[in-house]
Amino acid sequence: MEKEKLMKDVLLPIGTIFKAKEPNGYEEDSPIIEYIIIGKRTINPRSMKAWDYIVVPFDEGYKNEYKEHTKEWEDNFVYFNHTDIEEVIKSLKDSK
């Protein structure tokens, strides 16, 4: 039983909605946006950097668009670490 407590995940569950500043928007007047967690403990394949969460804007959901000018597909994934979260709005932990 004690071992189970040690193995408990400290990250928020998938489906959690939280508020955070826009990525690279660390100025005081940067807008705060609501995001929803769609994955945890992930690596950004472009930068090969590890992150706590992969999220999408809550009001948009996942988007994947073909950009004609670059001839590439572009998604709206955003990568966050737990320390970047300003406020948790709704978590699956809340409903238990």
Protein backbone atom coordinates (compact mmCIF):
# COMPACT_ATOMS: atom_id res chain seq x y z
CA MET A 1 0.00 0.00 0.00
CA GLU A 2 2.80 2.46 0.87
CA LYS A 3 4.50 1.73 -2.46
CA GLU A 4 1.31 2.69 -4.34
CA LYS A 5 1.38 6.14 -2.73
CA LEU A 6 4.96 6.66 -3.90
CA MET A 7 4.05 5.67 -7.46
CA LYS A 8 1.11 8.12 -7.63
CA ASP A 9 1.30 10.53 -10.58
CA VAL A 10 1.94 14.13 -9.53
CA LEU A 11 0.83 15.55 -12.88
CA LEU A 12 -2.74 16.58 -13.60
CA PRO A 13 -4.92 14.05 -15.44
CA ILE A 14 -5.73 14.19 -19.15
CA GLY A 15 -8.86 16.28 -19.66
CA THR A 16 -7.88 18.91 -17.09
CA ILE A 17 -8.68 22.48 -18.12
CA PHE A 18 -6.29 25.17 -16.92
CA LYS A 19 -5.29 28.78 -17.53
CA ALA A 20 -1.80 29.84 -18.58
CA LYS A 21 -0.06 32.59 -20.47
CA GLU A 22 0.50 32.10 -24.17
CA PRO A 23 3.74 30.24 -24.87
CA ASN A 24 6.64 32.65 -25.28
CA GLY A 25 4.34 35.30 -23.83
CA TYR A 26 5.97 35.93 -20.51
CA GLU A 27 5.45 39.68 -20.54
CA GLU A 28 3.06 41.05 -17.94
CA ASP A 29 0.39 41.90 -20.53
CA SER A 30 0.43 38.49 -22.26
CA PRO A 31 -3.06 37.04 -22.58
CA ILE A 32 -4.10 34.17 -20.33
CA ILE A 33 -5.68 31.33 -22.30
CA GLU A 34 -7.63 28.24 -21.27
CA TYR A 35 -6.09 24.94 -22.40
CA ILE A 36 -7.08 21.30 -22.09
CA ILE A 37 -4.52 18.56 -21.43
CA ILE A 38 -4.50 15.86 -24.13
CA GLY A 39 -1.25 14.12 -23.18
CA LYS A 40 1.39 13.89 -20.46
CA ARG A 41 5.15 13.31 -20.26
CA THR A 42 5.79 14.00 -23.91
CA ILE A 43 8.61 15.06 -26.19
CA ASN A 44 8.21 17.77 -28.80
CA PRO A 45 9.45 16.05 -31.99
CA ARG A 46 10.64 19.33 -33.49
CA SER A 47 12.87 20.37 -30.59
CA MET A 48 13.33 16.95 -28.91
CA LYS A 49 12.66 18.71 -25.59
CA ALA A 50 10.69 16.90 -22.85
CA TRP A 51 7.54 18.48 -21.45
CA ASP A 52 5.04 17.65 -18.72
CA TYR A 53 1.96 18.23 -20.90
CA ILE A 54 0.78 18.50 -24.48
CA VAL A 55 -2.34 20.66 -24.70
CA VAL A 56 -4.63 22.43 -27.14
CA PRO A 57 -6.61 25.65 -26.66
CA PHE A 58 -9.85 24.71 -24.90
CA ASP A 59 -12.10 26.81 -27.14
CA GLU A 60 -10.60 25.35 -30.37
CA GLY A 61 -9.77 21.75 -29.66
CA TYR A 62 -7.30 19.94 -31.90
CA LYS A 63 -6.64 21.44 -35.34
CA ASN A 64 -4.48 20.10 -38.15
CA GLU A 65 -4.32 22.32 -41.24
CA TYR A 66 -2.41 22.07 -44.49
CA LYS A 67 -0.47 25.28 -45.15
CA GLU A 68 -0.15 25.78 -48.90
CA HIS A 69 2.75 28.25 -48.64
CA THR A 70 4.94 25.82 -46.65
CA LYS A 71 3.48 22.63 -48.16
CA GLU A 72 3.29 21.16 -44.65
CA TRP A 73 0.66 20.15 -42.14
CA GLU A 74 0.47 22.37 -39.05
CA ASP A 75 -1.21 21.49 -35.75
CA ASN A 76 -2.08 23.62 -32.76
CA PHE A 77 -0.35 21.55 -30.08
CA VAL A 78 1.17 23.55 -27.24
CA TYR A 79 3.73 22.14 -24.81
CA PHE A 80 3.72 23.11 -21.14
CA ASN A 81 5.44 22.26 -17.90
CA HIS A 82 3.51 22.01 -14.66
CA THR A 83 5.13 25.19 -13.32
CA ASP A 84 3.68 27.24 -16.23
CA ILE A 85 0.08 26.69 -15.10
CA GLU A 86 -1.56 29.79 -13.62
CA GLU A 87 -4.85 28.25 -12.43
CA VAL A 88 -6.64 24.89 -12.70
CA ILE A 89 -10.24 25.39 -13.84
CA LYS A 90 -11.53 21.80 -13.90
CA SER A 91 -9.80 18.52 -13.21
CA LEU A 92 -11.04 14.95 -13.31
CA LYS A 93 -9.75 14.73 -9.72
CA ASP A 94 -12.52 17.21 -8.82
CA SER A 95 -15.28 14.82 -9.87
CA LYS A 96 -14.19 11.89 -7.69
